[in-house]
Amino acid sequence: MLEELGEPYELRYVDMMAGEHRKDAHASRNRMKKLPVIEDGEVVVSETAAIGVYLADKYALGRLSPALDDADRGAFLRWCFFSPSVLEPGAMAHASKWDYKPGQAGFGRYEDVIETIDDALGEGPWLLGERFTMADCILGGTIRWFIQFGMIEKTDAIVAYAERLGGREANQRAAAINAKVTEERGLPTR
């Protein structure tokens, strides 16, 4: 997300293996003790989708985030929040073989989740057609993560989308930054 913005930023490493995310310094920024968290001056934002919308609206409105009166704004918001609201719980329910009634769960059936993503990508190349937005960073990041760990069905459309995302210059810069941190810290690569 930060590389797509093209704005300067500073990364702060939080050593989760040492439990730094559970200590007061981090917990004061996110009571859930989760990552990521951003600090933008006095503003603190947690939760990936909220971070993405905040950053796009503040730093790339009209470019990575449709303007408030843009007809694409509704679809943009839908796809920004599809990952934490639908894909993540749906994939978890599927992987864990939860016994639940899809009509009573906000995320519905896993098969419908996958078909919905496939349908959205059918027009492509991005969620809003030719227009790349922060929604692609948010949902696409989750999809790429889930593919890496075998947590999502690899349909042709989903795999091709993940490959397009991986080919973006900003994504390649971010991957290089992450690889450097991984190497410097001696972290496992998987």
C-alpha atoms as a PDB file:
ATOM      1  CA  MET A   1       0.000   0.000   0.000  1.00  0.00           C
ATOM      2  CA  LEU A   2       2.695   2.445   0.991  1.00  0.00           C
ATOM      3  CA  GLU A   3       4.745   1.810  -2.134  1.00  0.00           C
ATOM      4  CA  GLU A   4       1.680   2.333  -4.348  1.00  0.00           C
ATOM      5  CA  LEU A   5       1.111   5.732  -2.709  1.00  0.00           C
ATOM      6  CA  GLY A   6       4.570   6.999  -3.605  1.00  0.00           C
ATOM      7  CA  GLU A   7       4.761   8.999  -0.358  1.00  0.00           C
ATOM      8  CA  PRO A   8       7.747   8.808   2.012  1.00  0.00           C
ATOM      9  CA  TYR A   9       7.313   6.545   5.027  1.00  0.00           C
ATOM     10  CA  GLU A  10       9.274   4.845   7.780  1.00  0.00           C
ATOM     11  CA  LEU A  11       8.881   1.185   8.680  1.00  0.00           C
ATOM     12  CA  ARG A  12       9.158   0.113  12.293  1.00  0.00           C
ATOM     13  CA  TYR A  13       9.920  -3.521  12.945  1.00  0.00           C
ATOM     14  CA  VAL A  14       7.818  -5.204  15.643  1.00  0.00           C
ATOM     15  CA  ASP A  15       9.338  -8.508  16.751  1.00  0.00           C
ATOM     16  CA  MET A  16       6.289 -10.736  17.082  1.00  0.00           C
ATOM     17  CA  MET A  17       8.438 -13.774  17.952  1.00  0.00           C
ATOM     18  CA  ALA A  18       9.647 -11.852  21.026  1.00  0.00           C
ATOM     19  CA  GLY A  19       6.073 -10.781  21.839  1.00  0.00           C
ATOM     20  CA  GLU A  20       6.632  -7.065  21.185  1.00  0.00           C
ATOM     21  CA  HIS A  21       3.131  -6.787  19.749  1.00  0.00           C
ATOM     22  CA  ARG A  22       1.713  -7.748  23.172  1.00  0.00           C
ATOM     23  CA  LYS A  23       3.643  -5.112  25.108  1.00  0.00           C
ATOM     24  CA  ASP A  24       2.159  -1.786  26.181  1.00  0.00           C
ATOM     25  CA  ALA A  25       4.072   0.222  23.565  1.00  0.00           C
ATOM     26  CA  HIS A  26       2.235  -1.557  20.748  1.00  0.00           C
ATOM     27  CA  ALA A  27      -0.980  -2.367  22.616  1.00  0.00           C
ATOM     28  CA  SER A  28      -1.507   1.360  23.165  1.00  0.00           C
ATOM     29  CA  ARG A  29      -1.760   1.714  19.364  1.00  0.00           C
ATOM     30  CA  ASN A  30      -3.939  -1.364  18.863  1.00  0.00           C
ATOM     31  CA  ARG A  31      -5.713  -2.946  21.821  1.00  0.00           C
ATOM     32  CA  MET A  32      -6.140  -6.106  19.723  1.00  0.00           C
ATOM     33  CA  LYS A  33      -2.309  -6.345  19.660  1.00  0.00           C
ATOM     34  CA  LYS A  34      -2.361  -7.011  15.916  1.00  0.00           C
ATOM     35  CA  LEU A  35      -0.334  -5.695  13.014  1.00  0.00           C
ATOM     36  CA  PRO A  36      -0.257  -3.628  10.892  1.00  0.00           C
ATOM     37  CA  VAL A  37      -0.751  -0.259  12.527  1.00  0.00           C
ATOM     38  CA  ILE A  38       0.124   3.073  10.964  1.00  0.00           C
ATOM     39  CA  GLU A  39       0.857   6.379  12.619  1.00  0.00           C
ATOM     40  CA  ASP A  40       0.335   9.458  10.485  1.00  0.00           C
ATOM     41  CA  GLY A  41       1.114  12.399  12.707  1.00  0.00           C
ATOM     42  CA  GLU A  42      -1.409  12.171  15.538  1.00  0.00           C
ATOM     43  CA  VAL A  43      -3.605   9.704  13.633  1.00  0.00           C
ATOM     44  CA  VAL A  44      -3.302   6.003  14.460  1.00  0.00           C
ATOM     45  CA  VAL A  45      -5.093   3.489  12.238  1.00  0.00           C
ATOM     46  CA  SER A  46      -5.237  -0.287  12.572  1.00  0.00           C
ATOM     47  CA  GLU A  47      -6.948  -2.983  10.497  1.00  0.00           C
ATOM     48  CA  THR A  48      -5.644  -3.449   6.979  1.00  0.00           C
ATOM     49  CA  ALA A  49      -8.775  -2.334   5.119  1.00  0.00           C
ATOM     50  CA  ALA A  50      -9.153   0.789   7.270  1.00  0.00           C
ATOM     51  CA  ILE A  51      -5.473   1.614   6.754  1.00  0.00           C
ATOM     52  CA  GLY A  52      -5.836   1.226   2.991  1.00  0.00           C
ATOM     53  CA  VAL A  53      -8.923   3.422   2.724  1.00  0.00           C
ATOM     54  CA  TYR A  54      -7.408   6.055   5.021  1.00  0.00           C
ATOM     55  CA  LEU A  55      -4.165   6.213   3.034  1.00  0.00           C
ATOM     56  CA  ALA A  56      -5.867   6.239  -0.372  1.00  0.00           C
ATOM     57  CA  ASP A  57      -8.376   8.905   0.653  1.00  0.00           C
ATOM     58  CA  LYS A  58      -5.761  11.138   2.244  1.00  0.00           C
ATOM     59  CA  TYR A  59      -2.866  10.738  -0.186  1.00  0.00           C
ATOM     60  CA  ALA A  60      -4.308   9.451  -3.470  1.00  0.00           C
ATOM     61  CA  LEU A  61      -7.944  10.546  -3.692  1.00  0.00           C
ATOM     62  CA  GLY A  62      -8.973  10.323  -7.320  1.00  0.00           C
ATOM     63  CA  ARG A  63      -6.061   8.006  -8.116  1.00  0.00           C
ATOM     64  CA  LEU A  64      -6.079   5.010  -5.713  1.00  0.00           C
ATOM     65  CA  SER A  65      -9.417   5.961  -4.203  1.00  0.00           C
ATOM     66  CA  PRO A  66     -12.400   7.173  -6.227  1.00  0.00           C
ATOM     67  CA  ALA A  67     -13.642  10.603  -5.162  1.00  0.00           C
ATOM     68  CA  LEU A  68     -16.667  10.680  -2.871  1.00  0.00           C
ATOM     69  CA  ASP A  69     -18.960  11.613  -5.774  1.00  0.00           C
ATOM     70  CA  ASP A  70     -17.399   9.152  -8.248  1.00  0.00           C
ATOM     71  CA  ALA A  71     -19.773   6.425  -9.462  1.00  0.00           C
ATOM     72  CA  ASP A  72     -17.056   3.823  -8.705  1.00  0.00           C
ATOM     73  CA  ARG A  73     -16.895   4.776  -5.010  1.00  0.00           C
ATOM     74  CA  GLY A  74     -19.464   2.173  -3.917  1.00  0.00           C
ATOM     75  CA  ALA A  75     -17.721  -0.690  -5.719  1.00  0.00           C
ATOM     76  CA  PHE A  76     -14.387   0.517  -4.344  1.00  0.00           C
ATOM     77  CA  LEU A  77     -15.670   0.393  -0.759  1.00  0.00           C
ATOM     78  CA  ARG A  78     -17.290  -2.991  -1.326  1.00  0.00           C
ATOM     79  CA  TRP A  79     -14.023  -4.530  -2.481  1.00  0.00           C
ATOM     80  CA  CYS A  80     -11.975  -2.811   0.228  1.00  0.00           C
ATOM     81  CA  PHE A  81     -14.070  -4.495   2.904  1.00  0.00           C
ATOM     82  CA  PHE A  82     -14.771  -7.784   1.114  1.00  0.00           C
ATOM     83  CA  SER A  83     -11.533  -9.282   2.390  1.00  0.00           C
ATOM     84  CA  PRO A  84     -12.016  -8.868   6.164  1.00  0.00           C
ATOM     85  CA  SER A  85     -15.815  -9.208   6.050  1.00  0.00           C
ATOM     86  CA  VAL A  86     -16.294 -12.054   3.583  1.00  0.00           C
ATOM     87  CA  LEU A  87     -13.133 -13.703   2.228  1.00  0.00           C
ATOM     88  CA  GLU A  88     -11.199 -14.124   5.478  1.00  0.00           C
ATOM     89  CA  PRO A  89     -14.028 -15.580   7.595  1.00  0.00           C
ATOM     90  CA  GLY A  90     -15.332 -17.607   4.648  1.00  0.00           C
ATOM     91  CA  ALA A  91     -11.919 -19.146   3.982  1.00  0.00           C
ATOM     92  CA  MET A  92     -11.417 -19.819   7.703  1.00  0.00           C
ATOM     93  CA  ALA A  93     -14.810 -21.529   7.946  1.00  0.00           C
ATOM     94  CA  HIS A  94     -14.009 -23.609   4.868  1.00  0.00           C
ATOM     95  CA  ALA A  95     -10.501 -24.585   6.006  1.00  0.00           C
ATOM     96  CA  SER A  96     -11.637 -25.368   9.552  1.00  0.00           C
ATOM     97  CA  LYS A  97     -14.728 -27.228   8.345  1.00  0.00           C
ATOM     98  CA  TRP A  98     -16.985 -25.167  10.575  1.00  0.00           C
ATOM     99  CA  ASP A  99     -20.537 -26.398  10.878  1.00  0.00           C
ATOM    100  CA  TYR A 100     -22.647 -23.305  10.301  1.00  0.00           C
ATOM    101  CA  LYS A 101     -25.696 -22.156   8.391  1.00  0.00           C
ATOM    102  CA  PRO A 102     -24.472 -20.008   5.467  1.00  0.00           C
ATOM    103  CA  GLY A 103     -27.684 -17.973   5.447  1.00  0.00           C
ATOM    104  CA  GLN A 104     -26.999 -16.919   9.030  1.00  0.00           C
ATOM    105  CA  ALA A 105     -23.319 -16.059   8.529  1.00  0.00           C
ATOM    106  CA  GLY A 106     -22.386 -12.698   7.068  1.00  0.00           C
ATOM    107  CA  PHE A 107     -19.884 -14.330   4.753  1.00  0.00           C
ATOM    108  CA  GLY A 108     -22.203 -17.007   3.340  1.00  0.00           C
ATOM    109  CA  ARG A 109     -20.859 -20.016   1.470  1.00  0.00           C
ATOM    110  CA  TYR A 110     -17.178 -20.361   0.559  1.00  0.00           C
ATOM    111  CA  GLU A 111     -18.093 -21.409  -2.986  1.00  0.00           C
ATOM    112  CA  ASP A 112     -20.071 -18.197  -3.442  1.00  0.00           C
ATOM    113  CA  VAL A 113     -17.132 -16.167  -2.137  1.00  0.00           C
ATOM    114  CA  ILE A 114     -14.826 -17.657  -4.773  1.00  0.00           C
ATOM    115  CA  GLU A 115     -17.401 -17.267  -7.566  1.00  0.00           C
ATOM    116  CA  THR A 116     -17.988 -13.634  -6.551  1.00  0.00           C
ATOM    117  CA  ILE A 117     -14.268 -12.876  -6.767  1.00  0.00           C
ATOM    118  CA  ASP A 118     -14.022 -14.698 -10.102  1.00  0.00           C
ATOM    119  CA  ASP A 119     -16.980 -12.706 -11.465  1.00  0.00           C
ATOM    120  CA  ALA A 120     -15.415  -9.418 -10.334  1.00  0.00           C
ATOM    121  CA  LEU A 121     -12.127 -10.264 -12.008  1.00  0.00           C
ATOM    122  CA  GLY A 122     -13.786 -11.442 -15.218  1.00  0.00           C
ATOM    123  CA  GLU A 123     -13.860  -7.946 -16.711  1.00  0.00           C
ATOM    124  CA  GLY A 124     -10.403  -7.134 -15.271  1.00  0.00           C
ATOM    125  CA  PRO A 125      -7.649  -6.573 -15.134  1.00  0.00           C
ATOM    126  CA  TRP A 126      -8.527  -4.969 -11.757  1.00  0.00           C
ATOM    127  CA  LEU A 127     -11.536  -4.996  -9.466  1.00  0.00           C
ATOM    128  CA  LEU A 128     -12.763  -1.734 -11.033  1.00  0.00           C
ATOM    129  CA  GLY A 129     -11.937  -2.800 -14.585  1.00  0.00           C
ATOM    130  CA  GLU A 130      -9.043  -0.814 -16.055  1.00  0.00           C
ATOM    131  CA  ARG A 131      -8.718   1.263 -12.886  1.00  0.00           C
ATOM    132  CA  PHE A 132      -6.230   0.016 -10.254  1.00  0.00           C
ATOM    133  CA  THR A 133      -7.188   1.149  -6.742  1.00  0.00           C
ATOM    134  CA  MET A 134      -6.345   0.541  -3.116  1.00  0.00           C
ATOM    135  CA  ALA A 135      -9.100  -2.113  -3.171  1.00  0.00           C
ATOM    136  CA  ASP A 136      -6.726  -4.191  -5.297  1.00  0.00           C
ATOM    137  CA  CYS A 137      -4.013  -3.762  -2.673  1.00  0.00           C
ATOM    138  CA  ILE A 138      -6.361  -4.814   0.129  1.00  0.00           C
ATOM    139  CA  LEU A 139      -8.214  -7.736  -1.436  1.00  0.00           C
ATOM    140  CA  GLY A 140      -5.295  -8.654  -3.676  1.00  0.00           C
ATOM    141  CA  GLY A 141      -2.905  -8.757  -0.734  1.00  0.00           C
ATOM    142  CA  THR A 142      -5.172 -11.200   1.061  1.00  0.00           C
ATOM    143  CA  ILE A 143      -5.558 -13.318  -2.058  1.00  0.00           C
ATOM    144  CA  ARG A 144      -1.795 -13.456  -2.595  1.00  0.00           C
ATOM    145  CA  TRP A 145      -1.264 -14.397   1.067  1.00  0.00           C
ATOM    146  CA  PHE A 146      -3.948 -17.094   0.897  1.00  0.00           C
ATOM    147  CA  ILE A 147      -2.456 -18.540  -2.291  1.00  0.00           C
ATOM    148  CA  GLN A 148       0.956 -18.715  -0.625  1.00  0.00           C
ATOM    149  CA  PHE A 149      -0.476 -20.769   2.246  1.00  0.00           C
ATOM    150  CA  GLY A 150      -2.983 -22.838   0.256  1.00  0.00           C
ATOM    151  CA  MET A 151      -6.003 -21.144   1.835  1.00  0.00           C
ATOM    152  CA  ILE A 152      -7.934 -20.244  -1.328  1.00  0.00           C
ATOM    153  CA  GLU A 153      -9.039 -22.082  -4.424  1.00  0.00           C
ATOM    154  CA  LYS A 154      -6.661 -21.266  -7.285  1.00  0.00           C
ATOM    155  CA  THR A 155      -9.066 -20.495 -10.104  1.00  0.00           C
ATOM    156  CA  ASP A 156      -7.610 -19.209 -13.367  1.00  0.00           C
ATOM    157  CA  ALA A 157      -8.936 -15.704 -12.692  1.00  0.00           C
ATOM    158  CA  ILE A 158      -7.598 -15.586  -9.130  1.00  0.00           C
ATOM    159  CA  VAL A 159      -4.137 -16.852 -10.104  1.00  0.00           C
ATOM    160  CA  ALA A 160      -3.884 -14.434 -13.046  1.00  0.00           C
ATOM    161  CA  TYR A 161      -4.954 -11.544 -10.786  1.00  0.00           C
ATOM    162  CA  ALA A 162      -2.345 -12.469  -8.173  1.00  0.00           C
ATOM    163  CA  GLU A 163       0.307 -12.599 -10.902  1.00  0.00           C
ATOM    164  CA  ARG A 164      -0.706  -9.152 -12.213  1.00  0.00           C
ATOM    165  CA  LEU A 165      -0.443  -7.757  -8.696  1.00  0.00           C
ATOM    166  CA  GLY A 166       2.946  -9.378  -8.190  1.00  0.00           C
ATOM    167  CA  GLY A 167       4.172  -7.777 -11.407  1.00  0.00           C
ATOM    168  CA  ARG A 168       3.395  -4.228 -10.296  1.00  0.00           C
ATOM    169  CA  GLU A 169       6.513  -2.115  -9.700  1.00  0.00           C
ATOM    170  CA  ALA A 170       5.268  -1.019  -6.270  1.00  0.00           C
ATOM    171  CA  ASN A 171       4.728  -4.635  -5.262  1.00  0.00           C
ATOM    172  CA  GLN A 172       8.194  -5.581  -6.422  1.00  0.00           C
ATOM    173  CA  ARG A 173       9.720  -2.699  -4.410  1.00  0.00           C
ATOM    174  CA  ALA A 174       7.764  -3.797  -1.326  1.00  0.00           C
ATOM    175  CA  ALA A 175       8.879  -7.411  -1.799  1.00  0.00           C
ATOM    176  CA  ALA A 176      12.518  -6.274  -1.971  1.00  0.00           C
ATOM    177  CA  ILE A 177      12.093  -4.265   1.254  1.00  0.00           C
ATOM    178  CA  ASN A 178      10.492  -7.259   2.982  1.00  0.00           C
ATOM    179  CA  ALA A 179      13.236  -9.592   1.737  1.00  0.00           C
ATOM    180  CA  LYS A 180      15.898  -7.248   3.099  1.00  0.00           C
ATOM    181  CA  VAL A 181      14.235  -7.103   6.529  1.00  0.00           C
ATOM    182  CA  THR A 182      13.826 -10.882   6.508  1.00  0.00           C
ATOM    183  CA  GLU A 183      17.503 -11.372   5.703  1.00  0.00           C
ATOM    184  CA  GLU A 184      18.754  -8.746   8.188  1.00  0.00           C
ATOM    185  CA  ARG A 185      16.666 -10.234  10.999  1.00  0.00           C
ATOM    186  CA  GLY A 186      17.368 -13.861  10.100  1.00  0.00           C
ATOM    187  CA  LEU A 187      13.674 -14.587   9.817  1.00  0.00           C
ATOM    188  CA  PRO A 188      12.279 -17.728   8.234  1.00  0.00           C
ATOM    189  CA  THR A 189      11.101 -17.243   4.652  1.00  0.00           C
ATOM    190  CA  ARG A 190       7.925 -19.178   5.269  1.00  0.00           C
END
